[in-house]
Amino acid sequence: MLERFSDKVKKGLRGWTERMAGEQQSDQLQALARTENEYGVDPFGFNLDYSLAAIAPFMWLYRHYFRVEAYGADRIPPGRVLLVSNHSGQLPLDGAMIGIALMVEGNPPRAIRSMVEKWVPSLPYVSTFMARVGQIVGTPENCRRLLEAEEAILVFPEGTRGLNKLWPQRYQLQEFGLGFMRLALETNTPIVPIAVVGAEEQAPALMNLKPVAKLLGFPSFPITPTGTPFPLPTKYRIYFGDALHFTGRADDEDSELDKKVRTVKASIQAMLHQGLKERRGVFW
């Protein structure tokens, strides 16, 4: 009985997803490539049907709450690719919006994978959900295996430094790690820079209570104007840049890798500046 109820819920959510996507973009969802084995999942636990049901509330956010506009989603090259984006907003909704943009507006549509922090799967009930919707712990080995399988992987080199930045630091890119560049060179993978405008204002952090965060085992404990990380209905604009190709050795000195990383970072920062210049306001 519980299984039948679960199937009914998933079917209802899948229908909700398709209705919000609209007829044309529902066809996009149907065209997503499947990678499941005979058990309905891929080696990392991803299940496309589960994912299409699970994204229903995020599709609503995409269409009606954040009213996302995506530019250049057709620039994603086929095959393996690293999608490198700025990160902000206290909750990782920017990643979800990027994922939906490439599902419904990519050409061809792509179901992307995201690298999540190592502490995320320790949260109750989260580990299985994350696996089913294609999110995996961000280890080099996991990323390498997915790239070898020709997947598109979303990474946030700022990590929690970007996600939990304070209000005065908005749209100022924080330090980028070098790991994504090592993997790009090792696997001959192109990098597509992405800039998200709008997420910075969805839950502005006025201060970070580090002692409380340490006590709770969280990376940060931001204080927002609403007292919660619940996002404000800001207007999202997502910009996809042209693919960047790099040559060199994965085991080069950090200084050499950092030069390449700064090229990616500069591309993202330029798109952020342009997006901020062009937008009419935070909420429209």
C-alpha atoms as a PDB file:
ATOM      1  CA  MET A   1       0.000   0.000   0.000  1.00  0.00           C
ATOM      2  CA  LEU A   2       2.806   2.393   0.899  1.00  0.00           C
ATOM      3  CA  GLU A   3       4.516   1.666  -2.414  1.00  0.00           C
ATOM      4  CA  ARG A   4       1.314   2.387  -4.359  1.00  0.00           C
ATOM      5  CA  PHE A   5       0.881   5.647  -2.460  1.00  0.00           C
ATOM      6  CA  SER A   6       4.499   6.600  -3.203  1.00  0.00           C
ATOM      7  CA  ASP A   7       4.023   5.860  -6.908  1.00  0.00           C
ATOM      8  CA  LYS A   8       0.863   7.967  -6.953  1.00  0.00           C
ATOM      9  CA  VAL A   9       2.667  10.900  -5.323  1.00  0.00           C
ATOM     10  CA  LYS A  10       5.559  10.666  -7.789  1.00  0.00           C
ATOM     11  CA  LYS A  11       3.156  10.501 -10.718  1.00  0.00           C
ATOM     12  CA  GLY A  12       1.322  13.573  -9.444  1.00  0.00           C
ATOM     13  CA  LEU A  13       4.539  15.524  -8.955  1.00  0.00           C
ATOM     14  CA  ARG A  14       5.796  14.484 -12.392  1.00  0.00           C
ATOM     15  CA  GLY A  15       2.557  15.778 -13.908  1.00  0.00           C
ATOM     16  CA  TRP A  16       2.963  19.056 -12.009  1.00  0.00           C
ATOM     17  CA  THR A  17       6.489  19.401 -13.367  1.00  0.00           C
ATOM     18  CA  GLU A  18       5.312  18.879 -16.944  1.00  0.00           C
ATOM     19  CA  ARG A  19       2.368  21.273 -16.629  1.00  0.00           C
ATOM     20  CA  MET A  20       4.619  24.049 -15.362  1.00  0.00           C
ATOM     21  CA  ALA A  21       7.184  23.323 -18.056  1.00  0.00           C
ATOM     22  CA  GLY A  22       4.563  23.750 -20.788  1.00  0.00           C
ATOM     23  CA  GLU A  23       4.053  21.618 -23.870  1.00  0.00           C
ATOM     24  CA  GLN A  24       7.234  22.562 -25.709  1.00  0.00           C
ATOM     25  CA  GLN A  25       9.513  22.284 -22.721  1.00  0.00           C
ATOM     26  CA  SER A  26       7.816  19.085 -21.573  1.00  0.00           C
ATOM     27  CA  ASP A  27       9.187  17.653 -24.807  1.00  0.00           C
ATOM     28  CA  GLN A  28      12.594  18.868 -23.614  1.00  0.00           C
ATOM     29  CA  LEU A  29      12.186  16.878 -20.409  1.00  0.00           C
ATOM     30  CA  GLN A  30      11.176  13.779 -22.348  1.00  0.00           C
ATOM     31  CA  ALA A  31      14.335  14.123 -24.447  1.00  0.00           C
ATOM     32  CA  LEU A  32      16.695  13.979 -21.466  1.00  0.00           C
ATOM     33  CA  ALA A  33      19.269  11.215 -21.855  1.00  0.00           C
ATOM     34  CA  ARG A  34      18.829   8.212 -19.577  1.00  0.00           C
ATOM     35  CA  THR A  35      21.765   6.489 -17.899  1.00  0.00           C
ATOM     36  CA  GLU A  36      19.968   4.013 -15.627  1.00  0.00           C
ATOM     37  CA  ASN A  37      20.815   0.330 -15.335  1.00  0.00           C
ATOM     38  CA  GLU A  38      18.284  -2.503 -15.053  1.00  0.00           C
ATOM     39  CA  TYR A  39      17.527  -1.401 -11.484  1.00  0.00           C
ATOM     40  CA  GLY A  40      16.471   2.079 -12.568  1.00  0.00           C
ATOM     41  CA  VAL A  41      19.515   3.963 -11.250  1.00  0.00           C
ATOM     42  CA  ASP A  42      22.994   4.786 -12.474  1.00  0.00           C
ATOM     43  CA  PRO A  43      26.156   3.800 -10.523  1.00  0.00           C
ATOM     44  CA  PHE A  44      25.709   6.864  -8.287  1.00  0.00           C
ATOM     45  CA  GLY A  45      22.018   6.274  -7.574  1.00  0.00           C
ATOM     46  CA  PHE A  46      20.583   8.837 -10.015  1.00  0.00           C
ATOM     47  CA  ASN A  47      17.056   8.126 -11.263  1.00  0.00           C
ATOM     48  CA  LEU A  48      15.639  10.409 -13.954  1.00  0.00           C
ATOM     49  CA  ASP A  49      11.966   9.686 -13.244  1.00  0.00           C
ATOM     50  CA  TYR A  50      12.477  10.337  -9.526  1.00  0.00           C
ATOM     51  CA  SER A  51      14.324  13.545 -10.375  1.00  0.00           C
ATOM     52  CA  LEU A  52      11.577  14.826 -12.688  1.00  0.00           C
ATOM     53  CA  ALA A  53       9.055  14.297  -9.887  1.00  0.00           C
ATOM     54  CA  ALA A  54      11.296  15.811  -7.215  1.00  0.00           C
ATOM     55  CA  ILE A  55      11.951  19.030  -9.142  1.00  0.00           C
ATOM     56  CA  ALA A  56       8.248  19.981  -9.232  1.00  0.00           C
ATOM     57  CA  PRO A  57       8.503  22.565  -6.406  1.00  0.00           C
ATOM     58  CA  PHE A  58      11.769  23.861  -7.857  1.00  0.00           C
ATOM     59  CA  MET A  59      10.122  24.222 -11.253  1.00  0.00           C
ATOM     60  CA  TRP A  60       7.486  26.365  -9.537  1.00  0.00           C
ATOM     61  CA  LEU A  61      10.258  28.480  -8.017  1.00  0.00           C
ATOM     62  CA  TYR A  62      11.905  28.727 -11.436  1.00  0.00           C
ATOM     63  CA  ARG A  63       8.730  29.815 -13.221  1.00  0.00           C
ATOM     64  CA  HIS A  64       6.777  31.820 -10.679  1.00  0.00           C
ATOM     65  CA  TYR A  65       8.911  32.817  -7.691  1.00  0.00           C
ATOM     66  CA  PHE A  66      12.342  33.673  -9.070  1.00  0.00           C
ATOM     67  CA  ARG A  67      10.990  34.104 -12.645  1.00  0.00           C
ATOM     68  CA  VAL A  68      14.292  32.915 -14.035  1.00  0.00           C
ATOM     69  CA  GLU A  69      15.684  34.227 -17.298  1.00  0.00           C
ATOM     70  CA  ALA A  70      18.472  32.099 -18.767  1.00  0.00           C
ATOM     71  CA  TYR A  71      20.850  33.391 -21.415  1.00  0.00           C
ATOM     72  CA  GLY A  72      23.130  31.181 -23.497  1.00  0.00           C
ATOM     73  CA  ALA A  73      21.887  27.797 -22.258  1.00  0.00           C
ATOM     74  CA  ASP A  74      22.538  26.469 -25.760  1.00  0.00           C
ATOM     75  CA  ARG A  75      26.274  27.130 -25.342  1.00  0.00           C
ATOM     76  CA  ILE A  76      26.843  23.934 -23.364  1.00  0.00           C
ATOM     77  CA  PRO A  77      28.959  21.609 -25.532  1.00  0.00           C
ATOM     78  CA  PRO A  78      28.004  17.937 -25.871  1.00  0.00           C
ATOM     79  CA  GLY A  79      29.770  15.350 -23.766  1.00  0.00           C
ATOM     80  CA  ARG A  80      31.773  15.963 -20.633  1.00  0.00           C
ATOM     81  CA  VAL A  81      31.802  19.508 -19.339  1.00  0.00           C
ATOM     82  CA  LEU A  82      32.459  21.371 -16.100  1.00  0.00           C
ATOM     83  CA  LEU A  83      29.965  24.123 -15.323  1.00  0.00           C
ATOM     84  CA  VAL A  84      31.635  26.630 -13.009  1.00  0.00           C
ATOM     85  CA  SER A  85      29.453  29.209 -11.273  1.00  0.00           C
ATOM     86  CA  ASN A  86      29.413  31.825  -8.557  1.00  0.00           C
ATOM     87  CA  HIS A  87      27.563  30.746  -5.414  1.00  0.00           C
ATOM     88  CA  SER A  88      25.383  32.663  -2.956  1.00  0.00           C
ATOM     89  CA  GLY A  89      22.043  32.913  -1.178  1.00  0.00           C
ATOM     90  CA  GLN A  90      22.522  30.875   2.053  1.00  0.00           C
ATOM     91  CA  LEU A  91      20.543  27.991   0.509  1.00  0.00           C
ATOM     92  CA  PRO A  92      21.889  26.386  -2.712  1.00  0.00           C
ATOM     93  CA  LEU A  93      18.883  27.322  -4.815  1.00  0.00           C
ATOM     94  CA  ASP A  94      21.165  28.847  -7.439  1.00  0.00           C
ATOM     95  CA  GLY A  95      22.361  25.340  -8.283  1.00  0.00           C
ATOM     96  CA  ALA A  96      18.793  24.067  -8.603  1.00  0.00           C
ATOM     97  CA  MET A  97      17.862  26.929 -10.930  1.00  0.00           C
ATOM     98  CA  ILE A  98      20.911  26.281 -13.132  1.00  0.00           C
ATOM     99  CA  GLY A  99      19.943  22.616 -13.314  1.00  0.00           C
ATOM    100  CA  ILE A 100      16.367  23.352 -14.347  1.00  0.00           C
ATOM    101  CA  ALA A 101      17.509  25.940 -16.898  1.00  0.00           C
ATOM    102  CA  LEU A 102      19.580  23.307 -18.678  1.00  0.00           C
ATOM    103  CA  MET A 103      16.750  20.779 -18.502  1.00  0.00           C
ATOM    104  CA  VAL A 104      14.107  23.005 -20.074  1.00  0.00           C
ATOM    105  CA  GLU A 105      16.148  25.485 -22.108  1.00  0.00           C
ATOM    106  CA  GLY A 106      19.326  23.640 -23.020  1.00  0.00           C
ATOM    107  CA  ASN A 107      19.840  22.457 -26.591  1.00  0.00           C
ATOM    108  CA  PRO A 108      20.066  19.547 -26.202  1.00  0.00           C
ATOM    109  CA  PRO A 109      18.577  19.353 -22.700  1.00  0.00           C
ATOM    110  CA  ARG A 110      20.958  18.106 -20.022  1.00  0.00           C
ATOM    111  CA  ALA A 111      20.417  16.600 -16.593  1.00  0.00           C
ATOM    112  CA  ILE A 112      23.449  17.909 -14.751  1.00  0.00           C
ATOM    113  CA  ARG A 113      25.230  16.638 -11.661  1.00  0.00           C
ATOM    114  CA  SER A 114      26.264  18.856  -8.778  1.00  0.00           C
ATOM    115  CA  MET A 115      29.084  18.451  -6.319  1.00  0.00           C
ATOM    116  CA  VAL A 116      27.820  18.906  -2.750  1.00  0.00           C
ATOM    117  CA  GLU A 117      29.737  19.489   0.463  1.00  0.00           C
ATOM    118  CA  LYS A 118      30.895  16.396   2.346  1.00  0.00           C
ATOM    119  CA  TRP A 119      28.704  17.232   5.353  1.00  0.00           C
ATOM    120  CA  VAL A 120      25.445  17.325   3.342  1.00  0.00           C
ATOM    121  CA  PRO A 121      24.822  13.534   3.222  1.00  0.00           C
ATOM    122  CA  SER A 122      25.060  13.404   7.015  1.00  0.00           C
ATOM    123  CA  LEU A 123      21.730  15.234   7.244  1.00  0.00           C
ATOM    124  CA  PRO A 124      18.761  12.920   7.954  1.00  0.00           C
ATOM    125  CA  TYR A 125      17.004  11.574   4.818  1.00  0.00           C
ATOM    126  CA  VAL A 126      19.122  13.795   2.587  1.00  0.00           C
ATOM    127  CA  SER A 127      21.667  11.254   1.338  1.00  0.00           C
ATOM    128  CA  THR A 128      19.235   9.094  -0.655  1.00  0.00           C
ATOM    129  CA  PHE A 129      17.343  12.092  -2.001  1.00  0.00           C
ATOM    130  CA  MET A 130      20.556  13.739  -3.197  1.00  0.00           C
ATOM    131  CA  ALA A 131      21.672  10.574  -4.966  1.00  0.00           C
ATOM    132  CA  ARG A 132      18.316  10.104  -6.721  1.00  0.00           C
ATOM    133  CA  VAL A 133      18.360  13.643  -8.125  1.00  0.00           C
ATOM    134  CA  GLY A 134      21.965  13.396  -9.295  1.00  0.00           C
ATOM    135  CA  GLN A 135      23.868  15.199  -6.543  1.00  0.00           C
ATOM    136  CA  ILE A 136      27.042  13.580  -5.253  1.00  0.00           C
ATOM    137  CA  VAL A 137      29.716  14.297  -2.673  1.00  0.00           C
ATOM    138  CA  GLY A 138      32.350  16.504  -4.259  1.00  0.00           C
ATOM    139  CA  THR A 139      35.402  14.261  -4.179  1.00  0.00           C
ATOM    140  CA  PRO A 140      37.917  14.244  -7.052  1.00  0.00           C
ATOM    141  CA  GLU A 141      37.285  10.546  -7.683  1.00  0.00           C
ATOM    142  CA  ASN A 142      33.512  10.999  -7.967  1.00  0.00           C
ATOM    143  CA  CYS A 143      33.961  13.921 -10.324  1.00  0.00           C
ATOM    144  CA  ARG A 144      36.524  12.057 -12.419  1.00  0.00           C
ATOM    145  CA  ARG A 145      34.241   9.048 -12.864  1.00  0.00           C
ATOM    146  CA  LEU A 146      31.329  11.228 -13.953  1.00  0.00           C
ATOM    147  CA  LEU A 147      33.458  13.117 -16.455  1.00  0.00           C
ATOM    148  CA  GLU A 148      34.690   9.826 -17.877  1.00  0.00           C
ATOM    149  CA  ALA A 149      31.000   8.958 -18.349  1.00  0.00           C
ATOM    150  CA  GLU A 150      30.574  12.200 -20.384  1.00  0.00           C
ATOM    151  CA  GLU A 151      28.406  13.934 -17.775  1.00  0.00           C
ATOM    152  CA  ALA A 152      27.889  17.660 -17.195  1.00  0.00           C
ATOM    153  CA  ILE A 153      29.013  18.610 -13.692  1.00  0.00           C
ATOM    154  CA  LEU A 154      28.195  21.805 -11.821  1.00  0.00           C
ATOM    155  CA  VAL A 155      30.840  23.021  -9.397  1.00  0.00           C
ATOM    156  CA  PHE A 156      31.034  26.037  -7.108  1.00  0.00           C
ATOM    157  CA  PRO A 157      34.735  26.765  -6.487  1.00  0.00           C
ATOM    158  CA  GLU A 158      33.853  29.321  -3.807  1.00  0.00           C
ATOM    159  CA  GLY A 159      32.141  26.616  -1.733  1.00  0.00           C
ATOM    160  CA  THR A 160      30.536  27.853   1.469  1.00  0.00           C
ATOM    161  CA  ARG A 161      32.724  30.967   1.267  1.00  0.00           C
ATOM    162  CA  GLY A 162      30.424  32.106  -1.519  1.00  0.00           C
ATOM    163  CA  LEU A 163      27.165  30.584  -0.334  1.00  0.00           C
ATOM    164  CA  ASN A 164      27.349  32.243   3.075  1.00  0.00           C
ATOM    165  CA  LYS A 165      29.068  35.521   2.229  1.00  0.00           C
ATOM    166  CA  LEU A 166      27.884  38.630   4.048  1.00  0.00           C
ATOM    167  CA  TRP A 167      25.861  41.418   2.446  1.00  0.00           C
ATOM    168  CA  PRO A 168      28.809  43.825   1.928  1.00  0.00           C
ATOM    169  CA  GLN A 169      30.544  41.077  -0.106  1.00  0.00           C
ATOM    170  CA  ARG A 170      27.685  40.558  -2.574  1.00  0.00           C
ATOM    171  CA  TYR A 171      28.800  39.894  -6.148  1.00  0.00           C
ATOM    172  CA  GLN A 172      32.423  39.833  -5.049  1.00  0.00           C
ATOM    173  CA  LEU A 173      33.782  36.417  -5.959  1.00  0.00           C
ATOM    174  CA  GLN A 174      35.548  34.717  -3.095  1.00  0.00           C
ATOM    175  CA  GLU A 175      38.668  32.582  -3.384  1.00  0.00           C
ATOM    176  CA  PHE A 176      38.384  29.781  -5.951  1.00  0.00           C
ATOM    177  CA  GLY A 177      39.784  26.346  -5.221  1.00  0.00           C
ATOM    178  CA  LEU A 178      42.096  24.755  -7.805  1.00  0.00           C
ATOM    179  CA  GLY A 179      40.579  21.272  -7.813  1.00  0.00           C
ATOM    180  CA  PHE A 180      38.211  21.801 -10.732  1.00  0.00           C
ATOM    181  CA  MET A 181      41.058  22.992 -12.951  1.00  0.00           C
ATOM    182  CA  ARG A 182      43.179  19.947 -12.116  1.00  0.00           C
ATOM    183  CA  LEU A 183      40.286  17.704 -13.144  1.00  0.00           C
ATOM    184  CA  ALA A 184      39.634  19.690 -16.322  1.00  0.00           C
ATOM    185  CA  LEU A 185      43.266  19.283 -17.392  1.00  0.00           C
ATOM    186  CA  GLU A 186      43.447  15.644 -16.359  1.00  0.00           C
ATOM    187  CA  THR A 187      40.302  14.668 -18.282  1.00  0.00           C
ATOM    188  CA  ASN A 188      40.539  17.163 -21.164  1.00  0.00           C
ATOM    189  CA  THR A 189      37.221  18.716 -20.159  1.00  0.00           C
ATOM    190  CA  PRO A 190      35.962  22.123 -21.340  1.00  0.00           C
ATOM    191  CA  ILE A 191      34.772  24.628 -18.745  1.00  0.00           C
ATOM    192  CA  VAL A 192      31.644  26.743 -19.144  1.00  0.00           C
ATOM    193  CA  PRO A 193      31.589  29.800 -16.834  1.00  0.00           C
ATOM    194  CA  ILE A 194      28.194  30.701 -15.360  1.00  0.00           C
ATOM    195  CA  ALA A 195      27.061  33.876 -13.614  1.00  0.00           C
ATOM    196  CA  VAL A 196      23.923  33.975 -11.463  1.00  0.00           C
ATOM    197  CA  VAL A 197      22.456  37.403 -10.754  1.00  0.00           C
ATOM    198  CA  GLY A 198      19.695  37.624  -8.157  1.00  0.00           C
ATOM    199  CA  ALA A 199      20.642  34.935  -5.671  1.00  0.00           C
ATOM    200  CA  GLU A 200      22.899  37.292  -3.721  1.00  0.00           C
ATOM    201  CA  GLU A 201      19.857  39.271  -2.527  1.00  0.00           C
ATOM    202  CA  GLN A 202      17.491  36.378  -1.799  1.00  0.00           C
ATOM    203  CA  ALA A 203      18.658  36.031   1.823  1.00  0.00           C
ATOM    204  CA  PRO A 204      21.224  38.726   2.609  1.00  0.00           C
ATOM    205  CA  ALA A 205      23.403  37.803   5.578  1.00  0.00           C
ATOM    206  CA  LEU A 206      23.944  40.707   7.957  1.00  0.00           C
ATOM    207  CA  MET A 207      26.262  38.743  10.227  1.00  0.00           C
ATOM    208  CA  ASN A 208      27.552  35.230  10.807  1.00  0.00           C
ATOM    209  CA  LEU A 209      27.330  33.753  14.302  1.00  0.00           C
ATOM    210  CA  LYS A 210      30.392  31.529  14.083  1.00  0.00           C
ATOM    211  CA  PRO A 211      30.207  30.182  17.666  1.00  0.00           C
ATOM    212  CA  VAL A 212      26.642  28.980  17.049  1.00  0.00           C
ATOM    213  CA  ALA A 213      27.662  27.456  13.722  1.00  0.00           C
ATOM    214  CA  LYS A 214      30.526  25.603  15.396  1.00  0.00           C
ATOM    215  CA  LEU A 215      28.237  24.361  18.158  1.00  0.00           C
ATOM    216  CA  LEU A 216      25.730  23.005  15.633  1.00  0.00           C
ATOM    217  CA  GLY A 217      28.353  21.655  13.255  1.00  0.00           C
ATOM    218  CA  PHE A 218      27.257  23.958  10.420  1.00  0.00           C
ATOM    219  CA  PRO A 219      29.657  25.814   8.112  1.00  0.00           C
ATOM    220  CA  SER A 220      27.988  29.089   9.131  1.00  0.00           C
ATOM    221  CA  PHE A 221      24.986  30.513  10.964  1.00  0.00           C
ATOM    222  CA  PRO A 222      23.920  33.642   9.068  1.00  0.00           C
ATOM    223  CA  ILE A 223      21.520  36.225  10.451  1.00  0.00           C
ATOM    224  CA  THR A 224      19.216  37.584   7.741  1.00  0.00           C
ATOM    225  CA  PRO A 225      16.619  40.402   7.833  1.00  0.00           C
ATOM    226  CA  THR A 226      13.825  37.819   8.075  1.00  0.00           C
ATOM    227  CA  GLY A 227      15.627  35.757  10.705  1.00  0.00           C
ATOM    228  CA  THR A 228      15.563  32.700   8.428  1.00  0.00           C
ATOM    229  CA  PRO A 229      17.342  31.616   5.231  1.00  0.00           C
ATOM    230  CA  PHE A 230      13.965  31.514   3.429  1.00  0.00           C
ATOM    231  CA  PRO A 231      14.534  33.355   0.138  1.00  0.00           C
ATOM    232  CA  LEU A 232      12.945  36.596  -0.945  1.00  0.00           C
ATOM    233  CA  PRO A 233      11.335  36.599  -4.445  1.00  0.00           C
ATOM    234  CA  THR A 234      14.287  38.151  -6.230  1.00  0.00           C
ATOM    235  CA  LYS A 235      14.553  38.040 -10.012  1.00  0.00           C
ATOM    236  CA  TYR A 236      17.088  35.476 -11.219  1.00  0.00           C
ATOM    237  CA  ARG A 237      19.152  35.946 -14.354  1.00  0.00           C
ATOM    238  CA  ILE A 238      21.539  33.162 -15.333  1.00  0.00           C
ATOM    239  CA  TYR A 239      24.272  33.787 -17.889  1.00  0.00           C
ATOM    240  CA  PHE A 240      26.127  30.920 -19.590  1.00  0.00           C
ATOM    241  CA  GLY A 241      29.450  31.896 -21.130  1.00  0.00           C
ATOM    242  CA  ASP A 242      31.360  30.364 -24.015  1.00  0.00           C
ATOM    243  CA  ALA A 243      33.224  27.140 -23.309  1.00  0.00           C
ATOM    244  CA  LEU A 244      36.847  27.611 -22.238  1.00  0.00           C
ATOM    245  CA  HIS A 245      39.513  25.071 -23.166  1.00  0.00           C
ATOM    246  CA  PHE A 246      42.764  24.786 -21.243  1.00  0.00           C
ATOM    247  CA  THR A 247      45.963  22.874 -21.876  1.00  0.00           C
ATOM    248  CA  GLY A 248      48.672  21.881 -19.449  1.00  0.00           C
ATOM    249  CA  ARG A 249      49.434  19.295 -16.806  1.00  0.00           C
ATOM    250  CA  ALA A 250      47.131  18.472 -13.920  1.00  0.00           C
ATOM    251  CA  ASP A 251      50.171  18.249 -11.629  1.00  0.00           C
ATOM    252  CA  ASP A 252      51.517  21.683 -12.549  1.00  0.00           C
ATOM    253  CA  GLU A 253      52.534  24.032  -9.767  1.00  0.00           C
ATOM    254  CA  ASP A 254      49.661  25.751  -7.993  1.00  0.00           C
ATOM    255  CA  SER A 255      50.837  29.081  -9.378  1.00  0.00           C
ATOM    256  CA  GLU A 256      50.371  27.824 -12.951  1.00  0.00           C
ATOM    257  CA  LEU A 257      46.943  26.396 -12.199  1.00  0.00           C
ATOM    258  CA  ASP A 258      45.940  29.610 -10.471  1.00  0.00           C
ATOM    259  CA  LYS A 259      46.580  31.585 -13.673  1.00  0.00           C
ATOM    260  CA  LYS A 260      44.048  29.413 -15.489  1.00  0.00           C
ATOM    261  CA  VAL A 261      41.582  29.581 -12.604  1.00  0.00           C
ATOM    262  CA  ARG A 262      41.809  33.367 -12.648  1.00  0.00           C
ATOM    263  CA  THR A 263      40.785  33.312 -16.322  1.00  0.00           C
ATOM    264  CA  VAL A 264      37.588  31.449 -15.397  1.00  0.00           C
ATOM    265  CA  LYS A 265      36.992  33.722 -12.423  1.00  0.00           C
ATOM    266  CA  ALA A 266      37.452  36.850 -14.537  1.00  0.00           C
ATOM    267  CA  SER A 267      34.927  35.562 -17.074  1.00  0.00           C
ATOM    268  CA  ILE A 268      32.325  34.986 -14.355  1.00  0.00           C
ATOM    269  CA  GLN A 269      33.003  38.363 -12.735  1.00  0.00           C
ATOM    270  CA  ALA A 270      32.627  40.126 -16.093  1.00  0.00           C
ATOM    271  CA  MET A 271      29.246  38.469 -16.685  1.00  0.00           C
ATOM    272  CA  LEU A 272      28.153  39.444 -13.177  1.00  0.00           C
ATOM    273  CA  HIS A 273      29.084  43.073 -13.794  1.00  0.00           C
ATOM    274  CA  GLN A 274      27.254  43.069 -17.123  1.00  0.00           C
ATOM    275  CA  GLY A 275      24.174  41.420 -15.622  1.00  0.00           C
ATOM    276  CA  LEU A 276      24.043  43.925 -12.770  1.00  0.00           C
ATOM    277  CA  LYS A 277      24.413  46.787 -15.223  1.00  0.00           C
ATOM    278  CA  GLU A 278      21.554  45.546 -17.400  1.00  0.00           C
ATOM    279  CA  ARG A 279      18.981  44.606 -14.776  1.00  0.00           C
ATOM    280  CA  ARG A 280      16.256  47.071 -13.821  1.00  0.00           C
ATOM    281  CA  GLY A 281      16.038  46.054 -10.174  1.00  0.00           C
ATOM    282  CA  VAL A 282      16.423  43.283  -7.637  1.00  0.00           C
ATOM    283  CA  PHE A 283      12.822  42.058  -7.827  1.00  0.00           C
ATOM    284  CA  TRP A 284      12.016  42.589 -11.502  1.00  0.00           C
END
